[in-house]
C-alpha atoms as a PDB file:
ATOM      1  CA  UNK A   1     127.617 238.535  92.035  1.00  0.00           C
ATOM      2  CA  UNK A   2     123.995 238.506  92.258  1.00  0.00           C
ATOM      3  CA  UNK A   3     123.714 236.272  89.160  1.00  0.00           C
ATOM      4  CA  UNK A   4     126.419 233.994  90.336  1.00  0.00           C
ATOM      5  CA  UNK A   5     124.678 233.961  93.750  1.00  0.00           C
ATOM      6  CA  UNK A   6     121.214 233.198  91.783  1.00  0.00           C
ATOM      7  CA  UNK A   7     122.866 230.235  89.423  1.00  0.00           C
ATOM      8  CA  UNK A   8     124.232 228.823  92.794  1.00  0.00           C
ATOM      9  CA  UNK A   9     120.969 228.881  94.608  1.00  0.00           C
ATOM     10  CA  UNK A  10     118.603 227.352  91.417  1.00  0.00           C
ATOM     11  CA  UNK A  11     121.430 223.941  91.467  1.00  0.00           C
ATOM     12  CA  UNK A  12     121.044 223.809  95.032  1.00  0.00           C
ATOM     13  CA  UNK A  13     117.326 223.500  94.709  1.00  0.00           C
ATOM     14  CA  UNK A  14     117.474 221.172  91.821  1.00  0.00           C
ATOM     15  CA  UNK A  15     119.662 218.748  93.295  1.00  0.00           C
ATOM     16  CA  UNK A  16     117.835 217.337  95.745  1.00  0.00           C
ATOM     17  CA  UNK A  17     114.954 216.381  93.265  1.00  0.00           C
ATOM     18  CA  UNK A  18     117.348 214.301  91.239  1.00  0.00           C
ATOM     19  CA  UNK A  19     119.108 212.474  93.848  1.00  0.00           C
ATOM     20  CA  UNK A  20     115.357 211.588  94.857  1.00  0.00           C
ATOM     21  CA  UNK A  21     114.263 210.519  91.670  1.00  0.00           C
ATOM     22  CA  UNK A  22     117.734 208.465  90.914  1.00  0.00           C
ATOM     23  CA  UNK A  23     117.247 206.488  94.125  1.00  0.00           C
ATOM     24  CA  UNK A  24     113.787 205.163  92.975  1.00  0.00           C
ATOM     25  CA  UNK A  25     114.939 204.616  89.867  1.00  0.00           C
ATOM     26  CA  UNK A  26     117.593 202.164  91.629  1.00  0.00           C
ATOM     27  CA  UNK A  27     114.621 201.075  93.880  1.00  0.00           C
ATOM     28  CA  UNK A  28     112.361 199.911  91.508  1.00  0.00           C
ATOM     29  CA  UNK A  29     114.917 198.386  88.580  1.00  0.00           C
ATOM     30  CA  UNK A  30     115.412 194.900  90.560  1.00  0.00           C
ATOM     31  CA  UNK A  31     111.695 194.327  90.618  1.00  0.00           C
ATOM     32  CA  UNK A  32     111.590 195.581  87.144  1.00  0.00           C
ATOM     33  CA  UNK A  33     113.669 192.938  86.117  1.00  0.00           C
ATOM     34  CA  UNK A  34     111.986 190.275  88.495  1.00  0.00           C
ATOM     35  CA  UNK A  35     108.884 190.542  86.211  1.00  0.00           C
ATOM     36  CA  UNK A  36     110.255 190.304  82.847  1.00  0.00           C
ATOM     37  CA  UNK A  37     111.269 187.092  82.134  1.00  0.00           C
ATOM     38  CA  UNK A  38     114.496 186.583  79.735  1.00  0.00           C
ATOM     39  CA  UNK A  39     113.774 185.515  76.412  1.00  0.00           C
ATOM     40  CA  UNK A  40     116.122 182.965  75.996  1.00  0.00           C
ATOM     41  CA  UNK A  41     114.941 181.058  79.203  1.00  0.00           C
ATOM     42  CA  UNK A  42     113.373 177.104  78.489  1.00  0.00           C
ATOM     43  CA  UNK A  43     110.023 176.764  78.957  1.00  0.00           C
ATOM     44  CA  UNK A  44     108.840 175.513  82.584  1.00  0.00           C
ATOM     45  CA  UNK A  45     108.239 171.648  82.818  1.00  0.00           C
ATOM     46  CA  UNK A  46     105.202 170.062  84.014  1.00  0.00           C
ATOM     47  CA  UNK A  47     105.176 169.061  87.722  1.00  0.00           C
ATOM     48  CA  UNK A  48     104.031 165.718  87.934  1.00  0.00           C
ATOM     49  CA  UNK A  49     101.255 164.937  90.542  1.00  0.00           C
ATOM     50  CA  UNK A  50     101.963 161.931  92.828  1.00  0.00           C
ATOM     51  CA  UNK A  51      99.748 159.161  92.132  1.00  0.00           C
ATOM     52  CA  UNK A  52      96.672 158.626  94.947  1.00  0.00           C
ATOM     53  CA  UNK A  53      96.635 155.517  96.658  1.00  0.00           C
ATOM     54  CA  UNK A  54      93.895 152.848  95.693  1.00  0.00           C
ATOM     55  CA  UNK A  55      90.845 153.254  97.790  1.00  0.00           C
ATOM     56  CA  UNK A  56      90.352 150.228 100.317  1.00  0.00           C
ATOM     57  CA  UNK A  57      87.606 148.561  98.512  1.00  0.00           C
ATOM     58  CA  UNK A  58      90.265 147.511  95.670  1.00  0.00           C
ATOM     59  CA  UNK A  59      93.398 146.118  97.873  1.00  0.00           C
ATOM     60  CA  UNK A  60      90.904 144.245 100.105  1.00  0.00           C
ATOM     61  CA  UNK A  61      90.104 141.844  97.133  1.00  0.00           C
ATOM     62  CA  UNK A  62      93.784 141.888  96.638  1.00  0.00           C
ATOM     63  CA  UNK A  63      94.927 141.154 100.100  1.00  0.00           C
ATOM     64  CA  UNK A  64      92.189 138.164  99.885  1.00  0.00           C
ATOM     65  CA  UNK A  65      93.456 136.725  97.026  1.00  0.00           C
ATOM     66  CA  UNK A  66      97.148 136.276  98.348  1.00  0.00           C
ATOM     67  CA  UNK A  67      96.332 133.525 101.342  1.00  0.00           C
ATOM     68  CA  UNK A  68      93.978 131.864  98.966  1.00  0.00           C
ATOM     69  CA  UNK A  69      96.556 131.462  96.479  1.00  0.00           C
ATOM     70  CA  UNK A  70      99.288 130.488  99.456  1.00  0.00           C
ATOM     71  CA  UNK A  71      96.950 128.014 100.657  1.00  0.00           C
ATOM     72  CA  UNK A  72      96.122 126.378  97.386  1.00  0.00           C
ATOM     73  CA  UNK A  73      99.628 125.732  96.517  1.00  0.00           C
ATOM     74  CA  UNK A  74     100.317 124.206  99.849  1.00  0.00           C
ATOM     75  CA  UNK A  75      97.637 121.888  99.690  1.00  0.00           C
ATOM     76  CA  UNK A  76      99.250 121.140  95.900  1.00  0.00           C
ATOM     77  CA  UNK A  77     102.636 120.342  97.984  1.00  0.00           C
ATOM     78  CA  UNK A  78     100.760 118.180 100.373  1.00  0.00           C
ATOM     79  CA  UNK A  79      98.892 116.306  97.696  1.00  0.00           C
ATOM     80  CA  UNK A  80     102.289 115.888  95.958  1.00  0.00           C
ATOM     81  CA  UNK A  81     103.552 113.842  98.997  1.00  0.00           C
ATOM     82  CA  UNK A  82     100.012 111.724  99.771  1.00  0.00           C
ATOM     83  CA  UNK A  83     100.090 107.667  99.489  1.00  0.00           C
ATOM     84  CA  UNK A  84      97.931 108.722  96.223  1.00  0.00           C
ATOM     85  CA  UNK A  85     100.535 110.635  94.326  1.00  0.00           C
ATOM     86  CA  UNK A  86     102.727 107.335  95.125  1.00  0.00           C
ATOM     87  CA  UNK A  87     100.613 105.240  94.112  1.00  0.00           C
ATOM     88  CA  UNK A  88     100.083 106.831  90.825  1.00  0.00           C
ATOM     89  CA  UNK A  89     103.488 107.735  89.905  1.00  0.00           C
ATOM     90  CA  UNK A  90     104.918 104.353  91.488  1.00  0.00           C
ATOM     91  CA  UNK A  91     105.824 101.229  89.462  1.00  0.00           C
ATOM     92  CA  UNK A  92     104.815  97.916  89.323  1.00  0.00           C
ATOM     93  CA  UNK A  93     107.671  97.204  92.231  1.00  0.00           C
ATOM     94  CA  UNK A  94     106.572 100.242  94.042  1.00  0.00           C
ATOM     95  CA  UNK A  95     102.741  99.123  94.134  1.00  0.00           C
ATOM     96  CA  UNK A  96     103.370  95.418  95.293  1.00  0.00           C
ATOM     97  CA  UNK A  97     105.526  96.514  97.944  1.00  0.00           C
ATOM     98  CA  UNK A  98     103.034  99.025  99.443  1.00  0.00           C
ATOM     99  CA  UNK A  99     100.057  96.111  99.018  1.00  0.00           C
ATOM    100  CA  UNK A 100     102.163  93.797 100.667  1.00  0.00           C
ATOM    101  CA  UNK A 101     102.580  96.221 103.963  1.00  0.00           C
ATOM    102  CA  UNK A 102      98.750  96.916 103.627  1.00  0.00           C
ATOM    103  CA  UNK A 103      98.042  93.335 104.110  1.00  0.00           C
ATOM    104  CA  UNK A 104     100.499  93.135 106.957  1.00  0.00           C
ATOM    105  CA  UNK A 105      98.829  95.557 108.430  1.00  0.00           C
ATOM    106  CA  UNK A 106      95.512  94.313 108.007  1.00  0.00           C
ATOM    107  CA  UNK A 107      96.671  90.893 109.480  1.00  0.00           C
ATOM    108  CA  UNK A 108      98.422  92.505 112.180  1.00  0.00           C
ATOM    109  CA  UNK A 109      94.829  94.113 113.569  1.00  0.00           C
ATOM    110  CA  UNK A 110      93.071  91.244 112.513  1.00  0.00           C
ATOM    111  CA  UNK A 111      94.906  88.562 114.641  1.00  0.00           C
ATOM    112  CA  UNK A 112      95.621  91.247 117.376  1.00  0.00           C
ATOM    113  CA  UNK A 113      92.184  91.508 117.424  1.00  0.00           C
ATOM    114  CA  UNK A 114      91.214  87.935 117.450  1.00  0.00           C
ATOM    115  CA  UNK A 115      93.987  86.959 119.757  1.00  0.00           C
ATOM    116  CA  UNK A 116      92.383  89.639 122.433  1.00  0.00           C
ATOM    117  CA  UNK A 117      89.067  88.197 122.369  1.00  0.00           C
ATOM    118  CA  UNK A 118      90.491  84.873 122.574  1.00  0.00           C
ATOM    119  CA  UNK A 119      92.645  85.465 125.414  1.00  0.00           C
ATOM    120  CA  UNK A 120      89.768  87.164 127.413  1.00  0.00           C
ATOM    121  CA  UNK A 121      87.878  83.644 126.695  1.00  0.00           C
ATOM    122  CA  UNK A 122      90.677  81.657 128.408  1.00  0.00           C
ATOM    123  CA  UNK A 123      91.038  84.258 131.189  1.00  0.00           C
ATOM    124  CA  UNK A 124      87.358  83.719 132.031  1.00  0.00           C
ATOM    125  CA  UNK A 125      87.659  79.873 132.016  1.00  0.00           C
ATOM    126  CA  UNK A 126      91.211  80.228 134.092  1.00  0.00           C
ATOM    127  CA  UNK A 127      89.082  82.069 136.751  1.00  0.00           C
ATOM    128  CA  UNK A 128      86.968  78.776 137.647  1.00  0.00           C
ATOM    129  CA  UNK A 129      89.985  76.653 138.334  1.00  0.00           C
ATOM    130  CA  UNK A 130      89.583  77.263 141.874  1.00  0.00           C
ATOM    131  CA  UNK A 131      86.139  76.056 141.940  1.00  0.00           C
ATOM    132  CA  UNK A 132      87.172  72.600 140.130  1.00  0.00           C
ATOM    133  CA  UNK A 133      89.359  71.914 142.912  1.00  0.00           C
ATOM    134  CA  UNK A 134      86.674  72.774 145.628  1.00  0.00           C
ATOM    135  CA  UNK A 135      84.547  70.494 144.324  1.00  0.00           C
ATOM    136  CA  UNK A 136      84.048  66.646 145.773  1.00  0.00           C
ATOM    137  CA  UNK A 137      84.161  64.777 142.749  1.00  0.00           C
ATOM    138  CA  UNK A 138      85.496  64.817 139.373  1.00  0.00           C
ATOM    139  CA  UNK A 139      82.481  65.098 138.202  1.00  0.00           C
ATOM    140  CA  UNK A 140      81.308  68.179 140.115  1.00  0.00           C
ATOM    141  CA  UNK A 141      84.607  69.597 139.042  1.00  0.00           C
ATOM    142  CA  UNK A 142      83.821  69.131 135.599  1.00  0.00           C
ATOM    143  CA  UNK A 143      80.566  70.649 135.843  1.00  0.00           C
ATOM    144  CA  UNK A 144      82.085  73.567 137.429  1.00  0.00           C
ATOM    145  CA  UNK A 145      84.740  74.304 134.531  1.00  0.00           C
ATOM    146  CA  UNK A 146      82.042  73.765 131.965  1.00  0.00           C
ATOM    147  CA  UNK A 147      81.753  71.954 129.043  1.00  0.00           C
ATOM    148  CA  UNK A 148      83.275  74.493 126.729  1.00  0.00           C
ATOM    149  CA  UNK A 149      86.393  75.176 128.947  1.00  0.00           C
ATOM    150  CA  UNK A 150      89.758  74.738 127.374  1.00  0.00           C
ATOM    151  CA  UNK A 151      91.129  73.155 130.562  1.00  0.00           C
ATOM    152  CA  UNK A 152      88.353  70.470 131.132  1.00  0.00           C
ATOM    153  CA  UNK A 153      89.986  68.751 128.197  1.00  0.00           C
ATOM    154  CA  UNK A 154      93.341  68.162 130.539  1.00  0.00           C
ATOM    155  CA  UNK A 155      91.348  66.940 133.125  1.00  0.00           C
ATOM    156  CA  UNK A 156      88.856  64.655 131.170  1.00  0.00           C
ATOM    157  CA  UNK A 157      91.829  63.476 129.073  1.00  0.00           C
ATOM    158  CA  UNK A 158      93.977  61.959 132.353  1.00  0.00           C
ATOM    159  CA  UNK A 159      90.238  60.107 133.545  1.00  0.00           C
ATOM    160  CA  UNK A 160      89.985  59.242 130.074  1.00  0.00           C
ATOM    161  CA  UNK A 161      93.620  57.123 130.248  1.00  0.00           C
ATOM    162  CA  UNK A 162      93.010  56.174 133.496  1.00  0.00           C
ATOM    163  CA  UNK A 163      89.477  54.284 132.552  1.00  0.00           C
ATOM    164  CA  UNK A 164      91.330  53.038 129.474  1.00  0.00           C
ATOM    165  CA  UNK A 165      92.509  49.294 129.169  1.00  0.00           C
ATOM    166  CA  UNK A 166      95.365  48.727 126.625  1.00  0.00           C
ATOM    167  CA  UNK A 167      96.371  45.721 124.789  1.00  0.00           C
ATOM    168  CA  UNK A 168      99.297  44.809 122.967  1.00  0.00           C
ATOM    169  CA  UNK A 169     102.233  46.932 123.354  1.00  0.00           C
ATOM    170  CA  UNK A 170     100.506  49.761 125.070  1.00  0.00           C
ATOM    171  CA  UNK A 171      99.705  47.406 128.042  1.00  0.00           C
ATOM    172  CA  UNK A 172     103.470  47.554 128.485  1.00  0.00           C
ATOM    173  CA  UNK A 173     103.201  51.273 129.254  1.00  0.00           C
ATOM    174  CA  UNK A 174     102.330  52.298 132.532  1.00  0.00           C
ATOM    175  CA  UNK A 175      98.495  53.692 133.325  1.00  0.00           C
ATOM    176  CA  UNK A 176     100.090  56.885 135.266  1.00  0.00           C
ATOM    177  CA  UNK A 177     102.676  57.363 132.601  1.00  0.00           C
ATOM    178  CA  UNK A 178     100.099  57.350 129.646  1.00  0.00           C
ATOM    179  CA  UNK A 179      98.202  60.029 132.090  1.00  0.00           C
ATOM    180  CA  UNK A 180     100.703  62.106 132.038  1.00  0.00           C
ATOM    181  CA  UNK A 181     101.530  61.715 128.884  1.00  0.00           C
ATOM    182  CA  UNK A 182      97.795  62.583 127.663  1.00  0.00           C
ATOM    183  CA  UNK A 183      98.111  65.366 130.404  1.00  0.00           C
ATOM    184  CA  UNK A 184     101.005  66.960 128.467  1.00  0.00           C
ATOM    185  CA  UNK A 185      99.300  66.952 125.078  1.00  0.00           C
ATOM    186  CA  UNK A 186      96.383  68.446 126.463  1.00  0.00           C
ATOM    187  CA  UNK A 187      98.644  71.085 127.562  1.00  0.00           C
ATOM    188  CA  UNK A 188     100.219  71.429 124.392  1.00  0.00           C
ATOM    189  CA  UNK A 189      97.152  72.371 122.625  1.00  0.00           C
ATOM    190  CA  UNK A 190      96.227  75.155 125.059  1.00  0.00           C
ATOM    191  CA  UNK A 191      99.721  76.514 124.245  1.00  0.00           C
ATOM    192  CA  UNK A 192      99.379  75.483 120.607  1.00  0.00           C
ATOM    193  CA  UNK A 193      95.834  77.747 120.849  1.00  0.00           C
ATOM    194  CA  UNK A 194      97.560  80.599 122.699  1.00  0.00           C
ATOM    195  CA  UNK A 195     100.824  80.888 120.507  1.00  0.00           C
ATOM    196  CA  UNK A 196      98.277  81.170 116.864  1.00  0.00           C
ATOM    197  CA  UNK A 197      99.044  84.127 115.305  1.00  0.00           C
ATOM    198  CA  UNK A 198     101.794  85.215 117.116  1.00  0.00           C
ATOM    199  CA  UNK A 199     104.521  84.276 114.804  1.00  0.00           C
ATOM    200  CA  UNK A 200     103.135  86.615 112.454  1.00  0.00           C
ATOM    201  CA  UNK A 201     102.999  89.244 114.672  1.00  0.00           C
ATOM    202  CA  UNK A 202     106.815  88.822 115.137  1.00  0.00           C
ATOM    203  CA  UNK A 203     107.246  88.355 111.120  1.00  0.00           C
ATOM    204  CA  UNK A 204     105.786  91.954 110.901  1.00  0.00           C
ATOM    205  CA  UNK A 205     107.752  93.704 112.674  1.00  0.00           C
ATOM    206  CA  UNK A 206     110.865  92.280 111.987  1.00  0.00           C
ATOM    207  CA  UNK A 207     111.068  92.565 108.183  1.00  0.00           C
ATOM    208  CA  UNK A 208     108.018  95.105 107.469  1.00  0.00           C
ATOM    209  CA  UNK A 209     110.947  97.929 108.066  1.00  0.00           C
ATOM    210  CA  UNK A 210     113.222  96.796 105.753  1.00  0.00           C
ATOM    211  CA  UNK A 211     110.124  96.375 103.087  1.00  0.00           C
ATOM    212  CA  UNK A 212     109.656  99.808 103.215  1.00  0.00           C
ATOM    213  CA  UNK A 213     113.162 100.469 102.933  1.00  0.00           C
ATOM    214  CA  UNK A 214     113.326  98.214  99.679  1.00  0.00           C
ATOM    215  CA  UNK A 215     110.675 100.855  98.588  1.00  0.00           C
ATOM    216  CA  UNK A 216     112.081 103.733  99.489  1.00  0.00           C
ATOM    217  CA  UNK A 217     115.351 102.347  97.820  1.00  0.00           C
ATOM    218  CA  UNK A 218     113.607 101.602  94.477  1.00  0.00           C
ATOM    219  CA  UNK A 219     111.826 104.701  94.510  1.00  0.00           C
ATOM    220  CA  UNK A 220     115.074 107.183  95.160  1.00  0.00           C
ATOM    221  CA  UNK A 221     116.476 104.606  92.122  1.00  0.00           C
ATOM    222  CA  UNK A 222     113.693 105.536  89.515  1.00  0.00           C
ATOM    223  CA  UNK A 223     113.346 109.127  90.933  1.00  0.00           C
ATOM    224  CA  UNK A 224     117.266 109.604  89.558  1.00  0.00           C
ATOM    225  CA  UNK A 225     116.720 107.736  86.665  1.00  0.00           C
ATOM    226  CA  UNK A 226     113.512 110.433  85.802  1.00  0.00           C
ATOM    227  CA  UNK A 227     116.153 113.747  86.945  1.00  0.00           C
ATOM    228  CA  UNK A 228     118.704 112.553  85.096  1.00  0.00           C
ATOM    229  CA  UNK A 229     116.501 112.027  82.063  1.00  0.00           C
ATOM    230  CA  UNK A 230     115.376 115.548  82.231  1.00  0.00           C
ATOM    231  CA  UNK A 231     118.546 117.301  82.657  1.00  0.00           C
ATOM    232  CA  UNK A 232     117.369 119.108  85.811  1.00  0.00           C
ATOM    233  CA  UNK A 233     118.495 118.490  88.871  1.00  0.00           C
ATOM    234  CA  UNK A 234     117.172 121.908  91.255  1.00  0.00           C
ATOM    235  CA  UNK A 235     115.614 121.036  94.467  1.00  0.00           C
ATOM    236  CA  UNK A 236     111.993 121.232  93.147  1.00  0.00           C
ATOM    237  CA  UNK A 237     112.766 118.108  90.549  1.00  0.00           C
ATOM    238  CA  UNK A 238     114.773 116.332  93.157  1.00  0.00           C
ATOM    239  CA  UNK A 239     112.333 116.809  96.498  1.00  0.00           C
ATOM    240  CA  UNK A 240     108.743 115.506  94.766  1.00  0.00           C
ATOM    241  CA  UNK A 241     110.359 112.140  93.865  1.00  0.00           C
ATOM    242  CA  UNK A 242     112.775 111.448  96.945  1.00  0.00           C
ATOM    243  CA  UNK A 243     110.089 112.574  99.212  1.00  0.00           C
ATOM    244  CA  UNK A 244     107.292 109.689  97.695  1.00  0.00           C
ATOM    245  CA  UNK A 245     110.045 107.149  97.982  1.00  0.00           C
ATOM    246  CA  UNK A 246     110.803 108.311 101.770  1.00  0.00           C
ATOM    247  CA  UNK A 247     107.088 107.496 102.412  1.00  0.00           C
ATOM    248  CA  UNK A 248     107.436 103.846 102.095  1.00  0.00           C
ATOM    249  CA  UNK A 249     109.930 103.942 104.987  1.00  0.00           C
ATOM    250  CA  UNK A 250     107.376 105.566 107.248  1.00  0.00           C
ATOM    251  CA  UNK A 251     104.490 103.334 106.233  1.00  0.00           C
ATOM    252  CA  UNK A 252     107.117 100.352 107.075  1.00  0.00           C
ATOM    253  CA  UNK A 253     107.507 101.788 110.429  1.00  0.00           C
ATOM    254  CA  UNK A 254     104.275 102.765 110.451  1.00  0.00           C
ATOM    255  CA  UNK A 255     103.138  99.220 110.428  1.00  0.00           C
ATOM    256  CA  UNK A 256     106.018  97.593 112.238  1.00  0.00           C
ATOM    257  CA  UNK A 257     105.599  99.594 115.223  1.00  0.00           C
ATOM    258  CA  UNK A 258     101.941  98.543 115.833  1.00  0.00           C
ATOM    259  CA  UNK A 259     102.974  94.696 115.498  1.00  0.00           C
ATOM    260  CA  UNK A 260     105.527  94.720 117.926  1.00  0.00           C
ATOM    261  CA  UNK A 261     103.394  96.348 120.514  1.00  0.00           C
ATOM    262  CA  UNK A 262     100.874  94.215 120.035  1.00  0.00           C
ATOM    263  CA  UNK A 263     103.623  91.079 119.929  1.00  0.00           C
ATOM    264  CA  UNK A 264     104.330  92.005 123.799  1.00  0.00           C
ATOM    265  CA  UNK A 265     101.152  92.794 124.773  1.00  0.00           C
ATOM    266  CA  UNK A 266      99.498  89.431 123.856  1.00  0.00           C
ATOM    267  CA  UNK A 267     102.586  87.625 124.832  1.00  0.00           C
ATOM    268  CA  UNK A 268     102.546  88.896 128.376  1.00  0.00           C
ATOM    269  CA  UNK A 269      99.043  87.406 128.955  1.00  0.00           C
ATOM    270  CA  UNK A 270      99.948  84.435 126.952  1.00  0.00           C
ATOM    271  CA  UNK A 271     102.247  83.613 129.532  1.00  0.00           C
ATOM    272  CA  UNK A 272     100.067  84.609 132.723  1.00  0.00           C
ATOM    273  CA  UNK A 273      97.324  81.697 130.789  1.00  0.00           C
ATOM    274  CA  UNK A 274     100.053  79.048 129.926  1.00  0.00           C
ATOM    275  CA  UNK A 275     101.430  79.180 133.636  1.00  0.00           C
ATOM    276  CA  UNK A 276      98.141  78.549 134.773  1.00  0.00           C
ATOM    277  CA  UNK A 277      97.467  75.793 132.174  1.00  0.00           C
ATOM    278  CA  UNK A 278     100.903  74.121 133.322  1.00  0.00           C
ATOM    279  CA  UNK A 279      99.948  74.501 136.994  1.00  0.00           C
ATOM    280  CA  UNK A 280      96.515  72.926 136.727  1.00  0.00           C
ATOM    281  CA  UNK A 281      97.898  70.257 134.245  1.00  0.00           C
ATOM    282  CA  UNK A 282     100.546  69.456 136.857  1.00  0.00           C
ATOM    283  CA  UNK A 283      97.741  69.133 139.653  1.00  0.00           C
ATOM    284  CA  UNK A 284      95.387  66.906 137.553  1.00  0.00           C
ATOM    285  CA  UNK A 285      98.580  64.581 136.695  1.00  0.00           C
ATOM    286  CA  UNK A 286      99.255  64.320 140.406  1.00  0.00           C
ATOM    287  CA  UNK A 287      95.577  63.733 141.401  1.00  0.00           C
ATOM    288  CA  UNK A 288      94.688  60.853 138.912  1.00  0.00           C
ATOM    289  CA  UNK A 289      98.125  59.097 139.377  1.00  0.00           C
ATOM    290  CA  UNK A 290      97.346  59.417 143.577  1.00  0.00           C
ATOM    291  CA  UNK A 291      93.734  57.584 142.571  1.00  0.00           C
ATOM    292  CA  UNK A 292      95.095  55.031 140.518  1.00  0.00           C
ATOM    293  CA  UNK A 293      97.031  53.931 142.994  1.00  0.00           C
ATOM    294  CA  UNK A 294      94.512  53.708 146.003  1.00  0.00           C
END
């Protein structure tokens, strides 16, 4: 009994130690397994580092070059639609049409300037007509008008016919009729002076848009011929020649519109001066007719 008891006591003492060792072994086995990588595991791939952004100094020139390239492209597009490009790309017909419109524009400006000066002179001379009627005699009235006054010719013509003596068939025409006729001739001279250059302005205003339209049609025909020959109908190829042709119409309108404006403004002033000359001629005719009867 004693031996058996002792044997059981030894087993009871050694059992807790084994249990603790087994628990420690189970606890450290996962850590050991994680510490030792498997033999068949593939090598780890190198990790690529993200690229660092370029410095601000390097990005600044690139940002400055972009607007420069854009402005250069814009200037090239504008130069492609300039008058220089139209002249260089156009044939003899297009160049002749452009020259005609330039001549029309220069002529319109010249006529408008000269007519404005001439009308100003006639308007100043017209202001002296009331002084003529305030004079006591015809000679004093002529002196008031001045030697270079266009209206003086009306009075001088009537006076010349009143003092002239006709012979032959001319003597059969009454003196009053001759004076009236001479006054009418002098009046027509003033109206002819007023109408000088007005026909040119009317012609430019009427036909210059059609001249520009002809240049546009001719340019489009040539552009289509070139596009057909090249075999490329993209917008980049079509826009240039067609745009150059349309410039002709714009030039025609730019020449015609000022001509029409000048024609209307000068025509209105011509009417005022012409009315004053007609009234003066009528009064001079009646004055000389009454003087002849007296």
